[in-house]
Amino acid sequence: MSWADIIVVMEKQHRAKLQRRFRKALRGQRIICLDIPDDYAFMQPELVELLKTRMARHLP
């Protein structure tokens, strides 16, 4: 994970789990939580649009 520019998770619980399991490796890393619940099917159009919207501010 040290090579990543940013790490993106969908839910706060995902961020917490990463921080518990990989505390040392994540030191100084940027973790973005999109606050998107796991209520969508794979590639569901509403999910795709939500991802585009939420990620837009974090990508060039």
PDB file of N, CA and C in Angstrom:
ATOM      1  N   MET A   1       0.802  -1.195   0.000  1.00  0.00           N
ATOM      2  CA  MET A   1       0.000   0.000   0.000  1.00  0.00           C
ATOM      3  C   MET A   1       0.847   1.262   0.000  1.00  0.00           C
ATOM      4  N   SER A   2       2.092   1.142   0.314  1.00  0.00           N
ATOM      5  CA  SER A   2       2.940   2.331   0.380  1.00  0.00           C
ATOM      6  C   SER A   2       3.124   2.983  -0.984  1.00  0.00           C
ATOM      7  N   TRP A   3       2.894   2.242  -2.054  1.00  0.00           N
ATOM      8  CA  TRP A   3       3.055   2.777  -3.407  1.00  0.00           C
ATOM      9  C   TRP A   3       1.839   3.576  -3.871  1.00  0.00           C
ATOM     10  N   ALA A   4       0.711   3.459  -3.187  1.00  0.00           N
ATOM     11  CA  ALA A   4      -0.533   4.094  -3.641  1.00  0.00           C
ATOM     12  C   ALA A   4      -0.514   5.598  -3.389  1.00  0.00           C
ATOM     13  N   ASP A   5      -0.994   6.360  -4.370  1.00  0.00           N
ATOM     14  CA  ASP A   5      -1.157   7.804  -4.180  1.00  0.00           C
ATOM     15  C   ASP A   5      -2.331   8.081  -3.254  1.00  0.00           C
ATOM     16  N   ILE A   6      -3.422   7.375  -3.469  1.00  0.00           N
ATOM     17  CA  ILE A   6      -4.588   7.459  -2.596  1.00  0.00           C
ATOM     18  C   ILE A   6      -5.189   6.058  -2.468  1.00  0.00           C
ATOM     19  N   ILE A   7      -5.882   5.850  -1.373  1.00  0.00           N
ATOM     20  CA  ILE A   7      -6.609   4.606  -1.147  1.00  0.00           C
ATOM     21  C   ILE A   7      -8.065   4.993  -0.971  1.00  0.00           C
ATOM     22  N   VAL A   8      -8.940   4.325  -1.702  1.00  0.00           N
ATOM     23  CA  VAL A   8     -10.362   4.668  -1.674  1.00  0.00           C
ATOM     24  C   VAL A   8     -11.150   3.498  -1.115  1.00  0.00           C
ATOM     25  N   VAL A   9     -12.030   3.803  -0.163  1.00  0.00           N
ATOM     26  CA  VAL A   9     -12.929   2.798   0.396  1.00  0.00           C
ATOM     27  C   VAL A   9     -14.360   3.299   0.250  1.00  0.00           C
ATOM     28  N   MET A  10     -15.286   2.375   0.304  1.00  0.00           N
ATOM     29  CA  MET A  10     -16.693   2.724   0.125  1.00  0.00           C
ATOM     30  C   MET A  10     -17.357   3.148   1.433  1.00  0.00           C
ATOM     31  N   GLU A  11     -16.997   2.509   2.539  1.00  0.00           N
ATOM     32  CA  GLU A  11     -17.662   2.756   3.815  1.00  0.00           C
ATOM     33  C   GLU A  11     -16.644   3.027   4.920  1.00  0.00           C
ATOM     34  N   LYS A  12     -17.081   3.731   5.961  1.00  0.00           N
ATOM     35  CA  LYS A  12     -16.204   4.052   7.089  1.00  0.00           C
ATOM     36  C   LYS A  12     -15.668   2.795   7.757  1.00  0.00           C
ATOM     37  N   GLN A  13     -16.480   1.753   7.793  1.00  0.00           N
ATOM     38  CA  GLN A  13     -16.019   0.505   8.418  1.00  0.00           C
ATOM     39  C   GLN A  13     -14.865  -0.114   7.635  1.00  0.00           C
ATOM     40  N   HIS A  14     -14.835   0.110   6.324  1.00  0.00           N
ATOM     41  CA  HIS A  14     -13.723  -0.392   5.509  1.00  0.00           C
ATOM     42  C   HIS A  14     -12.429   0.340   5.878  1.00  0.00           C
ATOM     43  N   ARG A  15     -12.529   1.655   6.050  1.00  0.00           N
ATOM     44  CA  ARG A  15     -11.354   2.441   6.436  1.00  0.00           C
ATOM     45  C   ARG A  15     -10.841   1.988   7.801  1.00  0.00           C
ATOM     46  N   ALA A  16     -11.757   1.794   8.738  1.00  0.00           N
ATOM     47  CA  ALA A  16     -11.365   1.368  10.085  1.00  0.00           C
ATOM     48  C   ALA A  16     -10.667   0.007  10.046  1.00  0.00           C
ATOM     49  N   LYS A  17     -11.186  -0.892   9.245  1.00  0.00           N
ATOM     50  CA  LYS A  17     -10.591  -2.230   9.136  1.00  0.00           C
ATOM     51  C   LYS A  17      -9.180  -2.152   8.544  1.00  0.00           C
ATOM     52  N   LEU A  18      -9.022  -1.343   7.499  1.00  0.00           N
ATOM     53  CA  LEU A  18      -7.689  -1.152   6.911  1.00  0.00           C
ATOM     54  C   LEU A  18      -6.718  -0.582   7.940  1.00  0.00           C
ATOM     55  N   GLN A  19      -7.175   0.420   8.670  1.00  0.00           N
ATOM     56  CA  GLN A  19      -6.304   1.063   9.645  1.00  0.00           C
ATOM     57  C   GLN A  19      -5.910   0.108  10.766  1.00  0.00           C
ATOM     58  N   ARG A  20      -6.817  -0.773  11.158  1.00  0.00           N
ATOM     59  CA  ARG A  20      -6.487  -1.764  12.191  1.00  0.00           C
ATOM     60  C   ARG A  20      -5.470  -2.784  11.673  1.00  0.00           C
ATOM     61  N   ARG A  21      -5.688  -3.277  10.472  1.00  0.00           N
ATOM     62  CA  ARG A  21      -4.861  -4.365   9.941  1.00  0.00           C
ATOM     63  C   ARG A  21      -3.516  -3.899   9.383  1.00  0.00           C
ATOM     64  N   PHE A  22      -3.467  -2.672   8.865  1.00  0.00           N
ATOM     65  CA  PHE A  22      -2.263  -2.215   8.158  1.00  0.00           C
ATOM     66  C   PHE A  22      -1.755  -0.871   8.675  1.00  0.00           C
ATOM     67  N   ARG A  23      -1.834  -0.679   9.969  1.00  0.00           N
ATOM     68  CA  ARG A  23      -1.486   0.616  10.573  1.00  0.00           C
ATOM     69  C   ARG A  23      -0.124   1.136  10.099  1.00  0.00           C
ATOM     70  N   LYS A  24       0.902   0.323  10.182  1.00  0.00           N
ATOM     71  CA  LYS A  24       2.249   0.782   9.797  1.00  0.00           C
ATOM     72  C   LYS A  24       2.328   1.102   8.309  1.00  0.00           C
ATOM     73  N   ALA A  25       1.776   0.250   7.481  1.00  0.00           N
ATOM     74  CA  ALA A  25       1.846   0.446   6.028  1.00  0.00           C
ATOM     75  C   ALA A  25       1.056   1.669   5.581  1.00  0.00           C
ATOM     76  N   LEU A  26       0.067   2.058   6.364  1.00  0.00           N
ATOM     77  CA  LEU A  26      -0.783   3.190   5.984  1.00  0.00           C
ATOM     78  C   LEU A  26      -0.289   4.523   6.536  1.00  0.00           C
ATOM     79  N   ARG A  27       0.752   4.496   7.315  1.00  0.00           N
ATOM     80  CA  ARG A  27       1.253   5.738   7.905  1.00  0.00           C
ATOM     81  C   ARG A  27       1.567   6.753   6.813  1.00  0.00           C
ATOM     82  N   GLY A  28       0.928   7.906   6.883  1.00  0.00           N
ATOM     83  CA  GLY A  28       1.147   8.961   5.903  1.00  0.00           C
ATOM     84  C   GLY A  28       0.351   8.806   4.615  1.00  0.00           C
ATOM     85  N   GLN A  29      -0.418   7.724   4.507  1.00  0.00           N
ATOM     86  CA  GLN A  29      -1.212   7.497   3.300  1.00  0.00           C
ATOM     87  C   GLN A  29      -2.548   8.234   3.386  1.00  0.00           C
ATOM     88  N   ARG A  30      -3.038   8.627   2.255  1.00  0.00           N
ATOM     89  CA  ARG A  30      -4.328   9.298   2.166  1.00  0.00           C
ATOM     90  C   ARG A  30      -5.402   8.240   1.906  1.00  0.00           C
ATOM     91  N   ILE A  31      -6.395   8.178   2.786  1.00  0.00           N
ATOM     92  CA  ILE A  31      -7.506   7.243   2.627  1.00  0.00           C
ATOM     93  C   ILE A  31      -8.778   8.063   2.461  1.00  0.00           C
ATOM     94  N   ILE A  32      -9.462   7.835   1.359  1.00  0.00           N
ATOM     95  CA  ILE A  32     -10.705   8.548   1.064  1.00  0.00           C
ATOM     96  C   ILE A  32     -11.870   7.592   1.261  1.00  0.00           C
ATOM     97  N   CYS A  33     -12.837   8.028   2.045  1.00  0.00           N
ATOM     98  CA  CYS A  33     -14.058   7.245   2.233  1.00  0.00           C
ATOM     99  C   CYS A  33     -15.169   7.922   1.439  1.00  0.00           C
ATOM    100  N   LEU A  34     -15.771   7.182   0.527  1.00  0.00           N
ATOM    101  CA  LEU A  34     -16.821   7.729  -0.334  1.00  0.00           C
ATOM    102  C   LEU A  34     -18.200   7.703   0.319  1.00  0.00           C
ATOM    103  N   ASP A  35     -18.325   7.047   1.457  1.00  0.00           N
ATOM    104  CA  ASP A  35     -19.613   6.938   2.158  1.00  0.00           C
ATOM    105  C   ASP A  35     -20.715   6.416   1.247  1.00  0.00           C
ATOM    106  N   ILE A  36     -20.425   5.327   0.567  1.00  0.00           N
ATOM    107  CA  ILE A  36     -21.406   4.673  -0.304  1.00  0.00           C
ATOM    108  C   ILE A  36     -21.718   3.311   0.308  1.00  0.00           C
ATOM    109  N   PRO A  37     -22.966   3.097   0.720  1.00  0.00           N
ATOM    110  CA  PRO A  37     -23.317   1.813   1.334  1.00  0.00           C
ATOM    111  C   PRO A  37     -23.256   0.665   0.331  1.00  0.00           C
ATOM    112  N   ASP A  38     -23.045  -0.519   0.857  1.00  0.00           N
ATOM    113  CA  ASP A  38     -22.944  -1.718   0.021  1.00  0.00           C
ATOM    114  C   ASP A  38     -24.344  -2.252  -0.289  1.00  0.00           C
ATOM    115  N   ASP A  39     -25.137  -1.422  -0.951  1.00  0.00           N
ATOM    116  CA  ASP A  39     -26.524  -1.770  -1.272  1.00  0.00           C
ATOM    117  C   ASP A  39     -26.751  -1.895  -2.770  1.00  0.00           C
ATOM    118  N   TYR A  40     -25.699  -1.912  -3.543  1.00  0.00           N
ATOM    119  CA  TYR A  40     -25.821  -1.891  -4.999  1.00  0.00           C
ATOM    120  C   TYR A  40     -25.290  -3.184  -5.606  1.00  0.00           C
ATOM    121  N   ALA A  41     -25.849  -3.531  -6.739  1.00  0.00           N
ATOM    122  CA  ALA A  41     -25.345  -4.671  -7.502  1.00  0.00           C
ATOM    123  C   ALA A  41     -24.106  -4.227  -8.283  1.00  0.00           C
ATOM    124  N   PHE A  42     -23.298  -5.188  -8.694  1.00  0.00           N
ATOM    125  CA  PHE A  42     -22.104  -4.903  -9.474  1.00  0.00           C
ATOM    126  C   PHE A  42     -22.475  -4.125 -10.731  1.00  0.00           C
ATOM    127  N   MET A  43     -21.827  -2.982 -10.906  1.00  0.00           N
ATOM    128  CA  MET A  43     -22.002  -2.116 -12.081  1.00  0.00           C
ATOM    129  C   MET A  43     -23.431  -1.591 -12.248  1.00  0.00           C
ATOM    130  N   GLN A  44     -24.184  -1.562 -11.172  1.00  0.00           N
ATOM    131  CA  GLN A  44     -25.530  -0.982 -11.219  1.00  0.00           C
ATOM    132  C   GLN A  44     -25.399   0.477 -11.651  1.00  0.00           C
ATOM    133  N   PRO A  45     -26.193   0.917 -12.621  1.00  0.00           N
ATOM    134  CA  PRO A  45     -26.044   2.276 -13.156  1.00  0.00           C
ATOM    135  C   PRO A  45     -26.048   3.370 -12.085  1.00  0.00           C
ATOM    136  N   GLU A  46     -26.878   3.241 -11.071  1.00  0.00           N
ATOM    137  CA  GLU A  46     -26.916   4.248 -10.002  1.00  0.00           C
ATOM    138  C   GLU A  46     -25.595   4.281  -9.232  1.00  0.00           C
ATOM    139  N   LEU A  47     -25.009   3.126  -9.032  1.00  0.00           N
ATOM    140  CA  LEU A  47     -23.718   3.054  -8.350  1.00  0.00           C
ATOM    141  C   LEU A  47     -22.627   3.695  -9.195  1.00  0.00           C
ATOM    142  N   VAL A  48     -22.626   3.401 -10.465  1.00  0.00           N
ATOM    143  CA  VAL A  48     -21.617   3.967 -11.366  1.00  0.00           C
ATOM    144  C   VAL A  48     -21.694   5.492 -11.355  1.00  0.00           C
ATOM    145  N   GLU A  49     -22.887   6.035 -11.417  1.00  0.00           N
ATOM    146  CA  GLU A  49     -23.050   7.496 -11.394  1.00  0.00           C
ATOM    147  C   GLU A  49     -22.592   8.083 -10.062  1.00  0.00           C
ATOM    148  N   LEU A  50     -22.932   7.414  -8.984  1.00  0.00           N
ATOM    149  CA  LEU A  50     -22.515   7.874  -7.660  1.00  0.00           C
ATOM    150  C   LEU A  50     -20.990   7.854  -7.530  1.00  0.00           C
ATOM    151  N   LEU A  51     -20.369   6.808  -8.027  1.00  0.00           N
ATOM    152  CA  LEU A  51     -18.905   6.724  -8.004  1.00  0.00           C
ATOM    153  C   LEU A  51     -18.269   7.842  -8.828  1.00  0.00           C
ATOM    154  N   LYS A  52     -18.805   8.093  -9.997  1.00  0.00           N
ATOM    155  CA  LYS A  52     -18.277   9.179 -10.838  1.00  0.00           C
ATOM    156  C   LYS A  52     -18.359  10.511 -10.105  1.00  0.00           C
ATOM    157  N   THR A  53     -19.489  10.766  -9.483  1.00  0.00           N
ATOM    158  CA  THR A  53     -19.700  12.029  -8.773  1.00  0.00           C
ATOM    159  C   THR A  53     -18.760  12.163  -7.580  1.00  0.00           C
ATOM    160  N   ARG A  54     -18.701  11.131  -6.761  1.00  0.00           N
ATOM    161  CA  ARG A  54     -17.899  11.201  -5.532  1.00  0.00           C
ATOM    162  C   ARG A  54     -16.395  11.195  -5.814  1.00  0.00           C
ATOM    163  N   MET A  55     -15.972  10.516  -6.871  1.00  0.00           N
ATOM    164  CA  MET A  55     -14.547  10.443  -7.192  1.00  0.00           C
ATOM    165  C   MET A  55     -14.044  11.671  -7.941  1.00  0.00           C
ATOM    166  N   ALA A  56     -14.930  12.384  -8.591  1.00  0.00           N
ATOM    167  CA  ALA A  56     -14.530  13.523  -9.428  1.00  0.00           C
ATOM    168  C   ALA A  56     -13.677  14.530  -8.664  1.00  0.00           C
ATOM    169  N   ARG A  57     -14.005  14.803  -7.437  1.00  0.00           N
ATOM    170  CA  ARG A  57     -13.260  15.819  -6.674  1.00  0.00           C
ATOM    171  C   ARG A  57     -11.892  15.327  -6.195  1.00  0.00           C
ATOM    172  N   HIS A  58     -11.648  14.030  -6.308  1.00  0.00           N
ATOM    173  CA  HIS A  58     -10.385  13.466  -5.840  1.00  0.00           C
ATOM    174  C   HIS A  58      -9.407  13.140  -6.964  1.00  0.00           C
ATOM    175  N   LEU A  59      -9.875  13.238  -8.193  1.00  0.00           N
ATOM    176  CA  LEU A  59      -9.034  12.902  -9.340  1.00  0.00           C
ATOM    177  C   LEU A  59      -8.796  14.138 -10.195  1.00  0.00           C
ATOM    178  N   PRO A  60      -7.641  14.184 -10.855  1.00  0.00           N
ATOM    179  CA  PRO A  60      -7.355  15.357 -11.699  1.00  0.00           C
ATOM    180  C   PRO A  60      -8.280  15.437 -12.901  1.00  0.00           C
TER     181      PRO A  60
END
